[in-house]
Amino acid sequence: MPNLSRITLDPNTMGGKPCIRGMRVTVGTIIGLIASGTSIDVILANYPYLEADDIREALAYAAWRTEEIEVNLVAS
């Protein structure tokens, strides 16, 4: 996993989903907003406690996760 200091995983916050700096804003929320065409400026205006670096790290985290490879194990 890349060094992403702004992405946190806590089983007591949002069910353990990856969040931004321990807040109740998930990486999935940010990625979904960007995918729907919401600009970073609008996201930052709607979530004033977020910073541009939070958005960049959410994107980096999502990109890293898509590169994971699933390996099917053969049952013995």
PDB file of N, CA and C in Angstrom:
ATOM      1  N   MET A   1       0.845  -1.181   0.000  1.00  0.00           N
ATOM      2  CA  MET A   1       0.000   0.000   0.000  1.00  0.00           C
ATOM      3  C   MET A   1       0.886   1.239   0.000  1.00  0.00           C
ATOM      4  N   PRO A   2       0.552   2.211  -0.815  1.00  0.00           N
ATOM      5  CA  PRO A   2       1.348   3.435  -0.820  1.00  0.00           C
ATOM      6  C   PRO A   2       1.197   4.192   0.495  1.00  0.00           C
ATOM      7  N   ASN A   3       2.104   5.100   0.756  1.00  0.00           N
ATOM      8  CA  ASN A   3       2.050   5.885   1.982  1.00  0.00           C
ATOM      9  C   ASN A   3       0.971   6.958   1.856  1.00  0.00           C
ATOM     10  N   LEU A   4      -0.190   6.674   2.414  1.00  0.00           N
ATOM     11  CA  LEU A   4      -1.322   7.593   2.347  1.00  0.00           C
ATOM     12  C   LEU A   4      -1.716   7.965   3.778  1.00  0.00           C
ATOM     13  N   SER A   5      -1.194   9.054   4.260  1.00  0.00           N
ATOM     14  CA  SER A   5      -1.402   9.436   5.652  1.00  0.00           C
ATOM     15  C   SER A   5      -2.785  10.001   5.928  1.00  0.00           C
ATOM     16  N   ARG A   6      -3.534  10.371   4.905  1.00  0.00           N
ATOM     17  CA  ARG A   6      -4.850  10.983   5.113  1.00  0.00           C
ATOM     18  C   ARG A   6      -5.989   9.971   5.052  1.00  0.00           C
ATOM     19  N   ILE A   7      -5.707   8.754   4.643  1.00  0.00           N
ATOM     20  CA  ILE A   7      -6.733   7.718   4.564  1.00  0.00           C
ATOM     21  C   ILE A   7      -6.639   6.864   5.823  1.00  0.00           C
ATOM     22  N   THR A   8      -7.770   6.752   6.523  1.00  0.00           N
ATOM     23  CA  THR A   8      -7.791   5.992   7.770  1.00  0.00           C
ATOM     24  C   THR A   8      -8.822   4.874   7.683  1.00  0.00           C
ATOM     25  N   LEU A   9      -8.526   3.800   8.392  1.00  0.00           N
ATOM     26  CA  LEU A   9      -9.435   2.663   8.492  1.00  0.00           C
ATOM     27  C   LEU A   9      -9.647   2.384   9.975  1.00  0.00           C
ATOM     28  N   ASP A  10     -10.874   2.541  10.437  1.00  0.00           N
ATOM     29  CA  ASP A  10     -11.207   2.331  11.840  1.00  0.00           C
ATOM     30  C   ASP A  10     -12.533   1.587  11.890  1.00  0.00           C
ATOM     31  N   PRO A  11     -12.553   0.403  12.499  1.00  0.00           N
ATOM     32  CA  PRO A  11     -13.802  -0.356  12.537  1.00  0.00           C
ATOM     33  C   PRO A  11     -14.945   0.380  13.239  1.00  0.00           C
ATOM     34  N   ASN A  12     -14.629   1.391  14.024  1.00  0.00           N
ATOM     35  CA  ASN A  12     -15.647   2.154  14.744  1.00  0.00           C
ATOM     36  C   ASN A  12     -16.129   3.393  13.984  1.00  0.00           C
ATOM     37  N   THR A  13     -15.563   3.638  12.825  1.00  0.00           N
ATOM     38  CA  THR A  13     -15.970   4.792  12.009  1.00  0.00           C
ATOM     39  C   THR A  13     -16.438   4.293  10.657  1.00  0.00           C
ATOM     40  N   MET A  14     -17.680   4.548  10.346  1.00  0.00           N
ATOM     41  CA  MET A  14     -18.283   4.185   9.059  1.00  0.00           C
ATOM     42  C   MET A  14     -18.099   2.702   8.740  1.00  0.00           C
ATOM     43  N   GLY A  15     -18.186   1.873   9.762  1.00  0.00           N
ATOM     44  CA  GLY A  15     -18.103   0.428   9.553  1.00  0.00           C
ATOM     45  C   GLY A  15     -16.763  -0.058   9.055  1.00  0.00           C
ATOM     46  N   GLY A  16     -15.721   0.714   9.275  1.00  0.00           N
ATOM     47  CA  GLY A  16     -14.386   0.306   8.855  1.00  0.00           C
ATOM     48  C   GLY A  16     -14.035   0.660   7.420  1.00  0.00           C
ATOM     49  N   LYS A  17     -14.919   1.396   6.753  1.00  0.00           N
ATOM     50  CA  LYS A  17     -14.611   1.813   5.379  1.00  0.00           C
ATOM     51  C   LYS A  17     -13.479   2.833   5.409  1.00  0.00           C
ATOM     52  N   PRO A  18     -12.688   2.909   4.338  1.00  0.00           N
ATOM     53  CA  PRO A  18     -11.629   3.906   4.288  1.00  0.00           C
ATOM     54  C   PRO A  18     -12.236   5.314   4.304  1.00  0.00           C
ATOM     55  N   CYS A  19     -11.739   6.130   5.223  1.00  0.00           N
ATOM     56  CA  CYS A  19     -12.252   7.487   5.424  1.00  0.00           C
ATOM     57  C   CYS A  19     -11.129   8.509   5.287  1.00  0.00           C
ATOM     58  N   ILE A  20     -11.542   9.756   5.203  1.00  0.00           N
ATOM     59  CA  ILE A  20     -10.592  10.864   5.132  1.00  0.00           C
ATOM     60  C   ILE A  20     -10.296  11.338   6.553  1.00  0.00           C
ATOM     61  N   ARG A  21      -9.050  11.210   6.945  1.00  0.00           N
ATOM     62  CA  ARG A  21      -8.538  11.707   8.236  1.00  0.00           C
ATOM     63  C   ARG A  21      -9.438  11.388   9.424  1.00  0.00           C
ATOM     64  N   GLY A  22     -10.004  10.200   9.458  1.00  0.00           N
ATOM     65  CA  GLY A  22     -10.812   9.776  10.594  1.00  0.00           C
ATOM     66  C   GLY A  22     -12.200  10.393  10.645  1.00  0.00           C
ATOM     67  N   MET A  23     -12.529  11.191   9.666  1.00  0.00           N
ATOM     68  CA  MET A  23     -13.855  11.812   9.630  1.00  0.00           C
ATOM     69  C   MET A  23     -14.854  10.834   9.020  1.00  0.00           C
ATOM     70  N   ARG A  24     -16.098  11.174   9.093  1.00  0.00           N
ATOM     71  CA  ARG A  24     -17.154  10.331   8.548  1.00  0.00           C
ATOM     72  C   ARG A  24     -17.407  10.640   7.069  1.00  0.00           C
ATOM     73  N   VAL A  25     -16.337  10.861   6.342  1.00  0.00           N
ATOM     74  CA  VAL A  25     -16.393  11.051   4.889  1.00  0.00           C
ATOM     75  C   VAL A  25     -15.570   9.923   4.283  1.00  0.00           C
ATOM     76  N   THR A  26     -16.243   9.043   3.555  1.00  0.00           N
ATOM     77  CA  THR A  26     -15.535   7.886   3.009  1.00  0.00           C
ATOM     78  C   THR A  26     -14.866   8.205   1.676  1.00  0.00           C
ATOM     79  N   VAL A  27     -13.849   7.427   1.387  1.00  0.00           N
ATOM     80  CA  VAL A  27     -13.195   7.521   0.082  1.00  0.00           C
ATOM     81  C   VAL A  27     -14.232   7.272  -1.008  1.00  0.00           C
ATOM     82  N   GLY A  28     -15.119   6.314  -0.783  1.00  0.00           N
ATOM     83  CA  GLY A  28     -16.159   6.005  -1.759  1.00  0.00           C
ATOM     84  C   GLY A  28     -17.060   7.190  -2.058  1.00  0.00           C
ATOM     85  N   THR A  29     -17.373   7.977  -1.039  1.00  0.00           N
ATOM     86  CA  THR A  29     -18.190   9.173  -1.245  1.00  0.00           C
ATOM     87  C   THR A  29     -17.480  10.143  -2.173  1.00  0.00           C
ATOM     88  N   ILE A  30     -16.208  10.377  -1.906  1.00  0.00           N
ATOM     89  CA  ILE A  30     -15.433  11.317  -2.718  1.00  0.00           C
ATOM     90  C   ILE A  30     -15.310  10.813  -4.151  1.00  0.00           C
ATOM     91  N   ILE A  31     -14.982   9.539  -4.311  1.00  0.00           N
ATOM     92  CA  ILE A  31     -14.821   8.972  -5.650  1.00  0.00           C
ATOM     93  C   ILE A  31     -16.149   9.009  -6.401  1.00  0.00           C
ATOM     94  N   GLY A  32     -17.231   8.714  -5.705  1.00  0.00           N
ATOM     95  CA  GLY A  32     -18.549   8.769  -6.333  1.00  0.00           C
ATOM     96  C   GLY A  32     -18.909  10.163  -6.808  1.00  0.00           C
ATOM     97  N   LEU A  33     -18.587  11.165  -6.004  1.00  0.00           N
ATOM     98  CA  LEU A  33     -18.854  12.548  -6.406  1.00  0.00           C
ATOM     99  C   LEU A  33     -18.058  12.922  -7.651  1.00  0.00           C
ATOM    100  N   ILE A  34     -16.791  12.545  -7.665  1.00  0.00           N
ATOM    101  CA  ILE A  34     -15.952  12.854  -8.827  1.00  0.00           C
ATOM    102  C   ILE A  34     -16.462  12.105 -10.059  1.00  0.00           C
ATOM    103  N   ALA A  35     -16.833  10.848  -9.876  1.00  0.00           N
ATOM    104  CA  ALA A  35     -17.335  10.049 -11.003  1.00  0.00           C
ATOM    105  C   ALA A  35     -18.633  10.622 -11.579  1.00  0.00           C
ATOM    106  N   SER A  36     -19.424  11.276 -10.725  1.00  0.00           N
ATOM    107  CA  SER A  36     -20.682  11.847 -11.212  1.00  0.00           C
ATOM    108  C   SER A  36     -20.495  13.226 -11.835  1.00  0.00           C
ATOM    109  N   GLY A  37     -19.239  13.694 -11.860  1.00  0.00           N
ATOM    110  CA  GLY A  37     -18.956  14.956 -12.530  1.00  0.00           C
ATOM    111  C   GLY A  37     -18.791  16.154 -11.609  1.00  0.00           C
ATOM    112  N   THR A  38     -18.852  15.926 -10.307  1.00  0.00           N
ATOM    113  CA  THR A  38     -18.674  17.025  -9.360  1.00  0.00           C
ATOM    114  C   THR A  38     -17.207  17.445  -9.345  1.00  0.00           C
ATOM    115  N   SER A  39     -16.954  18.718  -9.482  1.00  0.00           N
ATOM    116  CA  SER A  39     -15.570  19.199  -9.507  1.00  0.00           C
ATOM    117  C   SER A  39     -14.978  19.206  -8.099  1.00  0.00           C
ATOM    118  N   ILE A  40     -13.671  19.189  -8.046  1.00  0.00           N
ATOM    119  CA  ILE A  40     -12.985  19.242  -6.752  1.00  0.00           C
ATOM    120  C   ILE A  40     -13.347  20.526  -6.027  1.00  0.00           C
ATOM    121  N   ASP A  41     -13.447  21.629  -6.736  1.00  0.00           N
ATOM    122  CA  ASP A  41     -13.819  22.900  -6.097  1.00  0.00           C
ATOM    123  C   ASP A  41     -15.198  22.825  -5.449  1.00  0.00           C
ATOM    124  N   VAL A  42     -16.140  22.187  -6.110  1.00  0.00           N
ATOM    125  CA  VAL A  42     -17.488  22.056  -5.542  1.00  0.00           C
ATOM    126  C   VAL A  42     -17.464  21.126  -4.334  1.00  0.00           C
ATOM    127  N   ILE A  43     -16.711  20.027  -4.418  1.00  0.00           N
ATOM    128  CA  ILE A  43     -16.600  19.125  -3.272  1.00  0.00           C
ATOM    129  C   ILE A  43     -16.033  19.872  -2.076  1.00  0.00           C
ATOM    130  N   LEU A  44     -14.979  20.645  -2.302  1.00  0.00           N
ATOM    131  CA  LEU A  44     -14.366  21.394  -1.205  1.00  0.00           C
ATOM    132  C   LEU A  44     -15.314  22.453  -0.645  1.00  0.00           C
ATOM    133  N   ALA A  45     -16.141  23.032  -1.484  1.00  0.00           N
ATOM    134  CA  ALA A  45     -17.117  24.010  -1.004  1.00  0.00           C
ATOM    135  C   ALA A  45     -18.211  23.333  -0.180  1.00  0.00           C
ATOM    136  N   ASN A  46     -18.616  22.128  -0.603  1.00  0.00           N
ATOM    137  CA  ASN A  46     -19.668  21.406   0.115  1.00  0.00           C
ATOM    138  C   ASN A  46     -19.167  20.722   1.382  1.00  0.00           C
ATOM    139  N   TYR A  47     -17.888  20.439   1.436  1.00  0.00           N
ATOM    140  CA  TYR A  47     -17.249  19.812   2.601  1.00  0.00           C
ATOM    141  C   TYR A  47     -16.084  20.709   3.027  1.00  0.00           C
ATOM    142  N   PRO A  48     -16.370  21.839   3.681  1.00  0.00           N
ATOM    143  CA  PRO A  48     -15.324  22.824   3.973  1.00  0.00           C
ATOM    144  C   PRO A  48     -14.208  22.327   4.894  1.00  0.00           C
ATOM    145  N   TYR A  49     -14.421  21.225   5.562  1.00  0.00           N
ATOM    146  CA  TYR A  49     -13.399  20.665   6.449  1.00  0.00           C
ATOM    147  C   TYR A  49     -12.429  19.764   5.687  1.00  0.00           C
ATOM    148  N   LEU A  50     -12.676  19.533   4.398  1.00  0.00           N
ATOM    149  CA  LEU A  50     -11.741  18.774   3.577  1.00  0.00           C
ATOM    150  C   LEU A  50     -10.743  19.709   2.917  1.00  0.00           C
ATOM    151  N   GLU A  51      -9.611  19.135   2.522  1.00  0.00           N
ATOM    152  CA  GLU A  51      -8.564  19.877   1.827  1.00  0.00           C
ATOM    153  C   GLU A  51      -8.302  19.202   0.486  1.00  0.00           C
ATOM    154  N   ALA A  52      -7.722  19.938  -0.434  1.00  0.00           N
ATOM    155  CA  ALA A  52      -7.437  19.392  -1.764  1.00  0.00           C
ATOM    156  C   ALA A  52      -6.577  18.132  -1.676  1.00  0.00           C
ATOM    157  N   ASP A  53      -5.637  18.092  -0.745  1.00  0.00           N
ATOM    158  CA  ASP A  53      -4.803  16.895  -0.573  1.00  0.00           C
ATOM    159  C   ASP A  53      -5.629  15.681  -0.160  1.00  0.00           C
ATOM    160  N   ASP A  54      -6.731  15.900   0.560  1.00  0.00           N
ATOM    161  CA  ASP A  54      -7.619  14.791   0.922  1.00  0.00           C
ATOM    162  C   ASP A  54      -8.211  14.161  -0.335  1.00  0.00           C
ATOM    163  N   ILE A  55      -8.629  14.997  -1.271  1.00  0.00           N
ATOM    164  CA  ILE A  55      -9.222  14.509  -2.517  1.00  0.00           C
ATOM    165  C   ILE A  55      -8.177  13.742  -3.329  1.00  0.00           C
ATOM    166  N   ARG A  56      -6.977  14.294  -3.418  1.00  0.00           N
ATOM    167  CA  ARG A  56      -5.907  13.628  -4.171  1.00  0.00           C
ATOM    168  C   ARG A  56      -5.576  12.265  -3.565  1.00  0.00           C
ATOM    169  N   GLU A  57      -5.526  12.184  -2.246  1.00  0.00           N
ATOM    170  CA  GLU A  57      -5.216  10.898  -1.617  1.00  0.00           C
ATOM    171  C   GLU A  57      -6.361   9.911  -1.788  1.00  0.00           C
ATOM    172  N   ALA A  58      -7.597  10.381  -1.783  1.00  0.00           N
ATOM    173  CA  ALA A  58      -8.732   9.487  -2.031  1.00  0.00           C
ATOM    174  C   ALA A  58      -8.614   8.881  -3.424  1.00  0.00           C
ATOM    175  N   LEU A  59      -8.255   9.708  -4.396  1.00  0.00           N
ATOM    176  CA  LEU A  59      -8.059   9.217  -5.760  1.00  0.00           C
ATOM    177  C   LEU A  59      -6.896   8.224  -5.822  1.00  0.00           C
ATOM    178  N   ALA A  60      -5.800   8.530  -5.149  1.00  0.00           N
ATOM    179  CA  ALA A  60      -4.640   7.632  -5.142  1.00  0.00           C
ATOM    180  C   ALA A  60      -4.991   6.303  -4.487  1.00  0.00           C
ATOM    181  N   TYR A  61      -5.748   6.349  -3.406  1.00  0.00           N
ATOM    182  CA  TYR A  61      -6.157   5.128  -2.721  1.00  0.00           C
ATOM    183  C   TYR A  61      -7.042   4.278  -3.638  1.00  0.00           C
ATOM    184  N   ALA A  62      -8.006   4.912  -4.288  1.00  0.00           N
ATOM    185  CA  ALA A  62      -8.899   4.186  -5.189  1.00  0.00           C
ATOM    186  C   ALA A  62      -8.110   3.569  -6.344  1.00  0.00           C
ATOM    187  N   ALA A  63      -7.154   4.298  -6.894  1.00  0.00           N
ATOM    188  CA  ALA A  63      -6.328   3.775  -7.985  1.00  0.00           C
ATOM    189  C   ALA A  63      -5.521   2.575  -7.508  1.00  0.00           C
ATOM    190  N   TRP A  64      -4.954   2.677  -6.318  1.00  0.00           N
ATOM    191  CA  TRP A  64      -4.173   1.571  -5.764  1.00  0.00           C
ATOM    192  C   TRP A  64      -5.046   0.331  -5.583  1.00  0.00           C
ATOM    193  N   ARG A  65      -6.263   0.513  -5.069  1.00  0.00           N
ATOM    194  CA  ARG A  65      -7.157  -0.628  -4.836  1.00  0.00           C
ATOM    195  C   ARG A  65      -7.551  -1.317  -6.136  1.00  0.00           C
ATOM    196  N   THR A  66      -7.667  -0.574  -7.214  1.00  0.00           N
ATOM    197  CA  THR A  66      -8.055  -1.207  -8.475  1.00  0.00           C
ATOM    198  C   THR A  66      -6.921  -2.046  -9.064  1.00  0.00           C
ATOM    199  N   GLU A  67      -5.713  -1.830  -8.585  1.00  0.00           N
ATOM    200  CA  GLU A  67      -4.569  -2.591  -9.082  1.00  0.00           C
ATOM    201  C   GLU A  67      -4.369  -3.896  -8.327  1.00  0.00           C
ATOM    202  N   GLU A  68      -5.135  -4.125  -7.267  1.00  0.00           N
ATOM    203  CA  GLU A  68      -5.004  -5.373  -6.527  1.00  0.00           C
ATOM    204  C   GLU A  68      -5.423  -6.540  -7.411  1.00  0.00           C
ATOM    205  N   ILE A  69      -4.821  -7.664  -7.183  1.00  0.00           N
ATOM    206  CA  ILE A  69      -5.106  -8.858  -7.975  1.00  0.00           C
ATOM    207  C   ILE A  69      -5.718  -9.910  -7.062  1.00  0.00           C
ATOM    208  N   GLU A  70      -6.843 -10.474  -7.494  1.00  0.00           N
ATOM    209  CA  GLU A  70      -7.452 -11.559  -6.736  1.00  0.00           C
ATOM    210  C   GLU A  70      -6.869 -12.871  -7.240  1.00  0.00           C
ATOM    211  N   VAL A  71      -6.526 -13.739  -6.314  1.00  0.00           N
ATOM    212  CA  VAL A  71      -5.991 -15.031  -6.658  1.00  0.00           C
ATOM    213  C   VAL A  71      -6.972 -16.084  -6.159  1.00  0.00           C
ATOM    214  N   ASN A  72      -7.494 -16.882  -7.063  1.00  0.00           N
ATOM    215  CA  ASN A  72      -8.398 -17.958  -6.670  1.00  0.00           C
ATOM    216  C   ASN A  72      -7.591 -19.116  -6.131  1.00  0.00           C
ATOM    217  N   LEU A  73      -7.936 -19.547  -4.935  1.00  0.00           N
ATOM    218  CA  LEU A  73      -7.257 -20.678  -4.322  1.00  0.00           C
ATOM    219  C   LEU A  73      -8.043 -21.951  -4.607  1.00  0.00           C
ATOM    220  N   VAL A  74      -7.319 -23.014  -4.861  1.00  0.00           N
ATOM    221  CA  VAL A  74      -7.956 -24.291  -5.123  1.00  0.00           C
ATOM    222  C   VAL A  74      -8.221 -24.961  -3.785  1.00  0.00           C
ATOM    223  N   ALA A  75      -9.474 -25.351  -3.559  1.00  0.00           N
ATOM    224  CA  ALA A  75      -9.819 -26.041  -2.312  1.00  0.00           C
ATOM    225  C   ALA A  75      -9.210 -27.452  -2.340  1.00  0.00           C
ATOM    226  N   SER A  76      -8.712 -27.867  -1.196  1.00  0.00           N
ATOM    227  CA  SER A  76      -8.098 -29.195  -1.161  1.00  0.00           C
ATOM    228  C   SER A  76      -9.045 -30.241  -0.655  1.00  0.00           C
TER     229      SER A  76
END
